[in-house]
Amino acid sequence: MFERPSGRSKSKAGRIKAVLVSFDFGERDAAERLEELKLLASSAGVECGALVRGRRDRPDPKHFAGSGKVEEIRAAASEAAAGLVIFNHELSPAQQRNLETTLGCRILDRVSLILEIFGQRARSHEGKLQVELAQLEYLATRLVRGWTHLERQRGGRGTLGGMGEKQIEVDRRLIARRVKALKDQLVRLKRQRLVQRRARVRGQVLSVSLVGYTNAGKSSLFNALAHAGAYAADQLFATLDTTTRRVYVPGAGRLVVSDTVGFIRDLPHTLVAAFRATLEETIHADLLLHVVDASSPSRDAQIDEVNKVLGEIGAADIPQILVWNKIDLNGLEPGLERDEYGKICRVRLSAATGEGVELLRLALTEAATAKSAANQPEPQQVIETQNYVP
């Protein structure tokens, strides 16, 4: 998504230096949003050269920031020798173009930063297709008033454009063709997953999906349950590709557990749409393990964000078990809680130390037993009748 500049704009470690810009519009979680921006930048391989903060009632329609704050950003970029400025907000195409013209450097907003991280993290063929689709759909919105060279008309009889056809029309057509090709490939991959899912349904295997806010420890918990060796790191969006493993739980037999992509506040709609095929493992799951970072001060807001995305993809009605992870960081004791129906609804554990993982296995055993009992056919009633003698 962005080109890596050279020269003074790089740190000694080879990381890109950038100025991070974040405004407070009266949100209660402004401090958490700022910390999240720092983590996003670090996850993208960007070093924070300077931080510019501000408070506004509403964004400026031309530059998003006021003229004085724009000059402050310019001075910070010059002092830090940064060739990149990252806004912790979504910019309009016109605002992004005006900022690049005024500041003379590359501008990224929150959406494009997340897309860049996804582009770096995707490993599977399907994951790369999904990221490319999201990037192209985002780029299509940037063509209008995005770059002035798109206003030029093409003369002559070229292979891409006819006489008098504008460059923007050529670019739109090329993007539309590629988007259609990507969607066709994703549909074929979706059909393959559907066949695999039908086989699991016929076998009456409990399907479990791990969901949660990014960096809540889903992959670490997945490794603790399945001994899968999936990549886990203390960074945002460490893993993107859905990983599925069969897990044996004593007393319940074999289950199917899937580790899915993490969510984040203000997740770009293009990403939700592009990753809908992958998230179908969540939609068709029998049980969701909603992993929560118990040490995070904004854990309640993160739970709400995850539930909001689950509602967008049609998974709001699937039974959940809240898994409070990382209890070793705030001194909580492992344990479990039950709802008014006697079902386990919350488990406190630490995937890093293994404390409380057995309690989660107990919850999975109960869920698998309940599914097995529900699938048992009801015994047929035998009705005795007397022989009728005319």
Protein backbone atom coordinates (compact mmCIF):
# COMPACT_ATOMS: atom_id res chain seq x y z
CA MET A 1 0.00 0.00 0.00
CA PHE A 2 2.79 2.45 0.73
CA GLU A 3 6.27 2.70 -0.67
CA ARG A 4 9.13 2.43 1.73
CA PRO A 5 11.15 5.63 1.54
CA SER A 6 14.89 5.68 1.68
CA GLY A 7 17.55 7.89 3.19
CA ARG A 8 16.93 10.01 6.27
CA SER A 9 13.35 8.79 6.64
CA LYS A 10 14.59 5.42 7.90
CA SER A 11 15.89 4.67 11.36
CA LYS A 12 19.16 2.89 12.05
CA ALA A 13 17.21 -0.36 12.44
CA GLY A 14 15.82 0.05 8.94
CA ARG A 15 12.29 0.84 10.13
CA ILE A 16 10.30 3.65 8.52
CA LYS A 17 10.04 6.77 10.65
CA ALA A 18 6.66 8.42 10.75
CA VAL A 19 4.75 11.16 12.51
CA LEU A 20 1.64 9.81 14.25
CA VAL A 21 -1.35 12.16 14.40
CA SER A 22 -4.34 11.60 16.68
CA PHE A 23 -7.21 13.93 17.55
CA ASP A 24 -9.62 13.77 20.46
CA PHE A 25 -13.19 14.43 19.36
CA GLY A 26 -14.59 13.92 22.83
CA GLU A 27 -14.40 10.12 22.94
CA ARG A 28 -14.09 8.51 26.35
CA ASP A 29 -11.52 6.05 25.02
CA ALA A 30 -9.23 8.63 23.36
CA ALA A 31 -6.19 7.43 25.34
CA GLU A 32 -6.78 3.79 24.34
CA ARG A 33 -7.20 4.81 20.70
CA LEU A 34 -3.84 6.57 20.81
CA GLU A 35 -2.10 3.52 22.29
CA GLU A 36 -3.75 1.38 19.63
CA LEU A 37 -2.35 3.66 16.92
CA LYS A 38 1.15 3.16 18.29
CA LEU A 39 0.67 -0.63 18.26
CA LEU A 40 -0.69 -0.53 14.71
CA ALA A 41 2.30 1.49 13.51
CA SER A 42 4.74 -0.84 15.25
CA SER A 43 2.99 -3.88 13.78
CA ALA A 44 3.41 -2.36 10.31
CA GLY A 45 7.16 -1.93 10.84
CA VAL A 46 6.95 1.83 11.43
CA GLU A 47 8.93 3.71 14.06
CA CYS A 48 7.24 6.64 15.77
CA GLY A 49 9.46 9.65 15.05
CA ALA A 50 7.05 12.15 16.58
CA LEU A 51 3.54 12.27 18.00
CA VAL A 52 1.11 15.12 17.32
CA ARG A 53 -2.07 15.29 19.35
CA GLY A 54 -4.98 17.70 19.28
CA ARG A 55 -8.58 18.28 20.30
CA ARG A 56 -11.32 19.30 17.90
CA ASP A 57 -15.09 19.44 17.77
CA ARG A 58 -15.20 18.19 14.18
CA PRO A 59 -12.69 17.52 11.37
CA ASP A 60 -11.61 20.32 9.05
CA PRO A 61 -13.14 19.63 5.61
CA LYS A 62 -9.94 20.52 3.73
CA HIS A 63 -7.07 19.06 5.78
CA PHE A 64 -8.92 17.23 8.60
CA ALA A 65 -6.64 19.27 10.93
CA GLY A 66 -6.59 23.02 11.27
CA SER A 67 -3.96 25.17 9.57
CA GLY A 68 -1.97 25.62 12.77
CA LYS A 69 -1.91 21.90 13.49
CA VAL A 70 -0.87 21.18 9.89
CA GLU A 71 2.15 23.45 10.39
CA GLU A 72 2.92 21.61 13.62
CA ILE A 73 2.83 18.31 11.74
CA ARG A 74 5.14 19.72 9.07
CA ALA A 75 7.66 20.90 11.69
CA ALA A 76 7.53 17.54 13.50
CA ALA A 77 8.14 15.64 10.26
CA SER A 78 11.06 17.88 9.37
CA GLU A 79 12.66 17.60 12.81
CA ALA A 80 12.25 13.81 12.94
CA ALA A 81 13.31 13.37 9.28
CA ALA A 82 10.10 11.41 8.72
CA GLY A 83 8.79 10.79 5.23
CA LEU A 84 5.43 9.41 6.37
CA VAL A 85 2.51 10.82 8.35
CA ILE A 86 -0.13 8.47 9.78
CA PHE A 87 -3.54 9.73 10.93
CA ASN A 88 -5.49 7.77 13.50
CA HIS A 89 -8.67 8.52 11.57
CA GLU A 90 -10.26 7.83 8.22
CA LEU A 91 -9.47 10.58 5.70
CA SER A 92 -11.47 11.46 2.62
CA PRO A 93 -9.66 11.27 -0.74
CA ALA A 94 -9.63 15.07 -0.98
CA GLN A 95 -8.21 15.46 2.55
CA GLN A 96 -5.49 12.92 1.83
CA ARG A 97 -4.54 14.65 -1.42
CA ASN A 98 -4.52 18.11 0.19
CA LEU A 99 -2.33 16.90 3.06
CA GLU A 100 0.16 15.24 0.70
CA THR A 101 0.37 18.46 -1.35
CA THR A 102 0.80 20.69 1.71
CA LEU A 103 3.18 18.49 3.71
CA GLY A 104 5.09 17.07 0.76
CA CYS A 105 5.16 13.51 2.14
CA ARG A 106 3.16 10.29 2.07
CA ILE A 107 -0.08 10.28 4.08
CA LEU A 108 -1.76 7.18 5.50
CA ASP A 109 -5.05 7.05 7.36
CA ARG A 110 -6.19 4.37 9.78
CA VAL A 111 -7.87 2.25 7.10
CA SER A 112 -4.86 2.16 4.78
CA LEU A 113 -2.57 1.38 7.74
CA ILE A 114 -4.68 -1.65 8.68
CA LEU A 115 -4.73 -2.75 5.04
CA GLU A 116 -0.93 -2.50 4.96
CA ILE A 117 -0.65 -4.74 8.04
CA PHE A 118 -3.02 -7.26 6.51
CA GLY A 119 -0.94 -7.25 3.33
CA GLN A 120 2.19 -8.05 5.32
CA ARG A 121 0.57 -10.78 7.44
CA ALA A 122 -1.33 -12.78 4.80
CA ARG A 123 0.39 -16.09 4.12
CA SER A 124 -2.14 -18.42 2.51
CA HIS A 125 -3.30 -18.10 -1.08
CA GLU A 126 -6.83 -17.26 0.03
CA GLY A 127 -5.62 -14.70 2.55
CA LYS A 128 -3.60 -12.90 -0.10
CA LEU A 129 -6.59 -12.84 -2.43
CA GLN A 130 -8.79 -11.38 0.30
CA VAL A 131 -6.28 -8.66 1.18
CA GLU A 132 -5.78 -7.71 -2.47
CA LEU A 133 -9.56 -7.50 -2.93
CA ALA A 134 -9.90 -5.21 0.09
CA GLN A 135 -7.03 -3.01 -1.10
CA LEU A 136 -8.46 -2.65 -4.60
CA GLU A 137 -11.94 -1.82 -3.32
CA TYR A 138 -10.40 0.79 -1.03
CA LEU A 139 -8.29 2.17 -3.88
CA ALA A 140 -11.37 2.48 -6.09
CA THR A 141 -12.77 5.06 -3.66
CA ARG A 142 -9.51 7.03 -3.88
CA LEU A 143 -9.58 7.47 -7.66
CA VAL A 144 -12.10 10.30 -7.59
CA ARG A 145 -10.22 13.51 -6.77
CA GLY A 146 -7.34 11.41 -5.51
CA TRP A 147 -4.59 12.22 -7.97
CA THR A 148 -4.53 14.99 -10.56
CA HIS A 149 -2.93 12.84 -13.27
CA LEU A 150 -6.20 10.92 -13.54
CA GLU A 151 -7.86 14.01 -15.04
CA ARG A 152 -5.81 13.79 -18.24
CA GLN A 153 -7.45 12.48 -21.37
CA ARG A 154 -5.96 9.82 -23.56
CA GLY A 155 -5.65 10.61 -27.25
CA GLY A 156 -5.07 8.23 -30.12
CA ARG A 157 -6.01 4.60 -30.42
CA GLY A 158 -4.35 2.87 -27.49
CA THR A 159 -5.07 -0.68 -26.43
CA LEU A 160 -6.37 0.37 -23.02
CA GLY A 161 -8.40 3.46 -23.80
CA GLY A 162 -10.23 4.93 -26.72
CA MET A 163 -9.92 8.42 -28.13
CA GLY A 164 -10.54 11.05 -25.49
CA GLU A 165 -10.89 8.53 -22.66
CA LYS A 166 -9.71 9.81 -19.31
CA GLN A 167 -7.08 7.95 -17.32
CA ILE A 168 -9.47 7.60 -14.39
CA GLU A 169 -11.87 5.61 -16.59
CA VAL A 170 -9.07 3.27 -17.67
CA ASP A 171 -8.01 2.73 -14.05
CA ARG A 172 -11.58 2.07 -12.96
CA ARG A 173 -12.01 -0.55 -15.66
CA LEU A 174 -8.75 -2.30 -14.81
CA ILE A 175 -9.62 -2.37 -11.12
CA ALA A 176 -13.13 -3.66 -11.85
CA ARG A 177 -11.72 -6.52 -13.95
CA ARG A 178 -9.28 -7.54 -11.24
CA VAL A 179 -11.94 -7.30 -8.51
CA LYS A 180 -14.24 -9.59 -10.50
CA ALA A 181 -11.44 -12.12 -11.04
CA LEU A 182 -10.60 -12.11 -7.31
CA LYS A 183 -14.23 -12.59 -6.30
CA ASP A 184 -14.56 -15.52 -8.72
CA GLN A 185 -11.51 -17.22 -7.18
CA LEU A 186 -12.83 -16.66 -3.65
CA VAL A 187 -16.18 -18.20 -4.62
CA ARG A 188 -14.40 -21.37 -5.76
CA LEU A 189 -12.47 -21.56 -2.50
CA LYS A 190 -15.73 -21.04 -0.60
CA ARG A 191 -17.23 -24.09 -2.33
CA GLN A 192 -14.26 -26.21 -1.25
CA ARG A 193 -14.76 -25.18 2.38
CA LEU A 194 -18.46 -25.94 2.09
CA VAL A 195 -17.67 -29.54 1.14
CA GLN A 196 -15.35 -29.89 4.14
CA ARG A 197 -17.96 -28.35 6.45
CA ARG A 198 -20.64 -30.78 5.24
CA ALA A 199 -18.37 -33.68 6.10
CA ARG A 200 -17.99 -32.35 9.65
CA VAL A 201 -21.75 -31.89 10.00
CA ARG A 202 -22.39 -35.47 8.86
CA GLY A 203 -19.92 -36.66 11.47
CA GLN A 204 -21.73 -34.65 14.18
CA VAL A 205 -18.45 -33.03 15.25
CA LEU A 206 -18.69 -29.97 17.51
CA SER A 207 -17.31 -26.95 15.64
CA VAL A 208 -15.66 -24.29 17.81
CA SER A 209 -14.31 -20.91 16.62
CA LEU A 210 -12.02 -18.59 18.56
CA VAL A 211 -13.00 -14.95 18.14
CA GLY A 212 -11.92 -11.80 19.90
CA TYR A 213 -10.17 -8.48 19.74
CA THR A 214 -6.78 -8.46 18.11
CA ASN A 215 -3.87 -9.31 20.43
CA ALA A 216 -6.20 -10.87 23.00
CA GLY A 217 -4.25 -14.14 22.83
CA LYS A 218 -6.42 -16.26 20.52
CA SER A 219 -3.49 -17.95 18.76
CA SER A 220 -1.77 -18.69 22.08
CA LEU A 221 -4.97 -20.27 23.39
CA PHE A 222 -5.38 -22.17 20.11
CA ASN A 223 -1.87 -23.60 20.53
CA ALA A 224 -2.61 -24.53 24.15
CA LEU A 225 -5.76 -26.42 23.10
CA ALA A 226 -4.60 -28.00 19.85
CA HIS A 227 -0.80 -28.09 20.23
CA ALA A 228 -0.80 -26.63 16.71
CA GLY A 229 2.28 -24.42 16.81
CA ALA A 230 0.44 -21.52 15.14
CA TYR A 231 2.33 -18.23 15.00
CA ALA A 232 1.63 -16.08 18.07
CA ALA A 233 3.23 -12.75 18.94
CA ASP A 234 2.56 -9.68 21.07
CA GLN A 235 1.42 -7.57 18.12
CA LEU A 236 -1.78 -6.63 16.37
CA PHE A 237 -3.04 -9.00 13.67
CA ALA A 238 -0.21 -11.48 14.21
CA THR A 239 -2.16 -14.07 12.23
CA LEU A 240 -4.78 -13.58 9.52
CA ASP A 241 -5.35 -16.96 7.94
CA THR A 242 -7.93 -19.22 9.55
CA THR A 243 -6.34 -22.36 11.00
CA THR A 244 -8.45 -25.41 11.81
CA ARG A 245 -7.37 -28.43 13.86
CA ARG A 246 -9.04 -31.48 15.35
CA VAL A 247 -8.74 -31.51 19.12
CA TYR A 248 -9.32 -34.49 21.40
CA VAL A 249 -11.03 -33.61 24.68
CA PRO A 250 -11.39 -36.38 27.27
CA GLY A 251 -15.03 -37.20 27.79
CA ALA A 252 -16.11 -35.44 24.61
CA GLY A 253 -14.07 -37.05 21.84
CA ARG A 254 -12.77 -35.04 18.89
CA LEU A 255 -13.76 -31.43 18.24
CA VAL A 256 -12.92 -29.04 15.41
CA VAL A 257 -11.35 -25.77 16.62
CA SER A 258 -10.68 -22.81 14.30
CA ASP A 259 -8.51 -19.77 14.99
CA THR A 260 -9.83 -16.72 13.10
CA VAL A 261 -8.62 -13.19 12.36
CA GLY A 262 -8.84 -10.71 15.22
CA PHE A 263 -11.16 -7.71 15.24
CA ILE A 264 -10.45 -4.07 16.01
CA ARG A 265 -12.51 -0.94 16.49
CA ASP A 266 -13.46 0.83 13.27
CA LEU A 267 -12.52 -2.25 11.25
CA PRO A 268 -12.74 -1.20 7.57
CA HIS A 269 -15.92 -2.44 5.94
CA THR A 270 -13.91 -3.48 2.87
CA LEU A 271 -11.98 -5.89 5.09
CA VAL A 272 -15.12 -7.28 6.71
CA ALA A 273 -16.59 -7.88 3.25
CA ALA A 274 -13.39 -9.37 1.81
CA PHE A 275 -12.86 -11.69 4.79
CA ARG A 276 -16.49 -12.76 4.96
CA ALA A 277 -15.55 -16.06 3.30
CA THR A 278 -12.97 -16.78 6.00
CA LEU A 279 -15.32 -15.62 8.74
CA GLU A 280 -17.89 -18.16 7.58
CA GLU A 281 -16.08 -20.63 9.85
CA THR A 282 -17.38 -18.39 12.62
CA ILE A 283 -20.87 -18.08 11.14
CA HIS A 284 -21.32 -21.87 10.95
CA ALA A 285 -19.70 -22.71 14.29
CA ASP A 286 -21.65 -24.43 17.05
CA LEU A 287 -19.83 -22.50 19.77
CA LEU A 288 -17.74 -19.32 19.93
CA LEU A 289 -14.90 -18.91 22.40
CA HIS A 290 -14.82 -15.11 22.80
CA VAL A 291 -11.25 -14.48 23.97
CA VAL A 292 -10.82 -11.29 26.02
CA ASP A 293 -7.63 -9.62 27.25
CA ALA A 294 -8.48 -9.52 30.95
CA SER A 295 -5.54 -7.17 31.63
CA SER A 296 -6.78 -4.48 29.22
CA PRO A 297 -8.47 -1.45 30.83
CA SER A 298 -10.78 -1.18 27.79
CA ARG A 299 -11.82 -4.85 27.75
CA ASP A 300 -15.54 -4.00 27.99
CA ALA A 301 -15.32 -1.73 24.93
CA GLN A 302 -13.38 -4.43 23.08
CA ILE A 303 -16.08 -6.99 23.87
CA ASP A 304 -18.68 -4.61 22.43
CA GLU A 305 -16.61 -4.10 19.26
CA VAL A 306 -16.29 -7.84 18.70
CA ASN A 307 -20.00 -8.40 19.26
CA LYS A 308 -20.76 -5.60 16.80
CA VAL A 309 -18.71 -7.26 14.06
CA LEU A 310 -20.28 -10.64 14.88
CA GLY A 311 -23.65 -9.03 14.36
CA GLU A 312 -22.54 -7.66 10.98
CA ILE A 313 -21.55 -11.10 9.71
CA GLY A 314 -24.63 -12.86 11.10
CA ALA A 315 -23.02 -14.67 14.04
CA ALA A 316 -24.66 -12.78 16.91
CA ASP A 317 -26.96 -15.66 17.91
CA ILE A 318 -24.28 -18.35 18.17
CA PRO A 319 -23.67 -19.44 21.80
CA GLN A 320 -20.58 -17.88 23.37
CA ILE A 321 -18.25 -18.62 26.22
CA LEU A 322 -16.29 -15.60 27.42
CA VAL A 323 -12.65 -16.58 27.93
CA TRP A 324 -10.81 -14.08 30.08
CA ASN A 325 -7.20 -14.61 29.04
CA LYS A 326 -3.94 -13.17 30.45
CA ILE A 327 -5.04 -13.42 34.09
CA ASP A 328 -1.37 -13.77 35.00
CA LEU A 329 -0.92 -10.07 34.15
CA ASN A 330 -3.50 -8.71 36.61
CA GLY A 331 -3.46 -11.26 39.44
CA LEU A 332 -6.83 -12.92 38.79
CA GLU A 333 -7.34 -16.52 39.84
CA PRO A 334 -8.39 -19.19 37.34
CA GLY A 335 -12.03 -20.14 37.58
CA LEU A 336 -15.34 -20.48 35.81
CA GLU A 337 -18.84 -19.06 36.08
CA ARG A 338 -22.21 -20.53 35.14
CA ASP A 339 -25.36 -18.83 33.93
CA GLU A 340 -28.87 -19.25 35.32
CA TYR A 341 -29.29 -22.43 33.26
CA GLY A 342 -26.21 -24.06 34.77
CA LYS A 343 -24.10 -23.74 31.62
CA ILE A 344 -20.52 -22.48 31.78
CA CYS A 345 -20.55 -18.91 30.43
CA ARG A 346 -17.13 -17.56 31.50
CA VAL A 347 -13.69 -19.05 32.06
CA ARG A 348 -10.67 -17.26 33.53
CA LEU A 349 -7.31 -18.61 32.38
CA SER A 350 -3.85 -17.84 31.08
CA ALA A 351 -2.87 -19.37 27.77
CA ALA A 352 0.75 -18.38 28.38
CA THR A 353 1.12 -20.26 31.70
CA GLY A 354 -1.56 -22.91 31.15
CA GLU A 355 -3.50 -21.97 34.29
CA GLY A 356 -7.21 -22.59 33.84
CA VAL A 357 -6.93 -24.28 30.44
CA GLU A 358 -8.35 -27.48 31.93
CA LEU A 359 -11.43 -25.51 32.98
CA LEU A 360 -11.94 -24.53 29.35
CA ARG A 361 -11.61 -28.19 28.34
CA LEU A 362 -14.36 -28.94 30.86
CA ALA A 363 -16.56 -26.31 29.20
CA LEU A 364 -15.90 -27.86 25.79
CA THR A 365 -16.75 -31.30 27.17
CA GLU A 366 -20.10 -30.04 28.42
CA ALA A 367 -20.85 -28.34 25.09
CA ALA A 368 -19.95 -31.46 23.10
CA THR A 369 -22.04 -33.67 25.40
CA ALA A 370 -25.02 -31.33 25.01
CA LYS A 371 -24.66 -31.38 21.20
CA SER A 372 -24.42 -35.17 21.17
CA ALA A 373 -27.54 -35.48 23.32
CA ALA A 374 -29.45 -33.07 21.09
CA ASN A 375 -28.54 -35.12 18.02
CA GLN A 376 -29.75 -38.42 19.49
CA PRO A 377 -33.02 -39.54 17.91
CA GLU A 378 -35.97 -39.66 20.26
CA PRO A 379 -37.08 -43.18 21.17
CA GLN A 380 -40.10 -44.25 19.18
CA GLN A 381 -43.25 -44.78 21.15
CA VAL A 382 -44.81 -48.21 20.76
CA ILE A 383 -48.58 -48.03 20.60
CA GLU A 384 -50.34 -51.25 21.47
CA THR A 385 -53.59 -51.88 19.69
CA GLN A 386 -56.11 -54.64 20.16
CA ASN A 387 -56.95 -56.81 17.26
CA TYR A 388 -60.34 -55.90 15.93
CA VAL A 389 -62.63 -58.86 15.50
CA PRO A 390 -65.66 -58.05 13.37
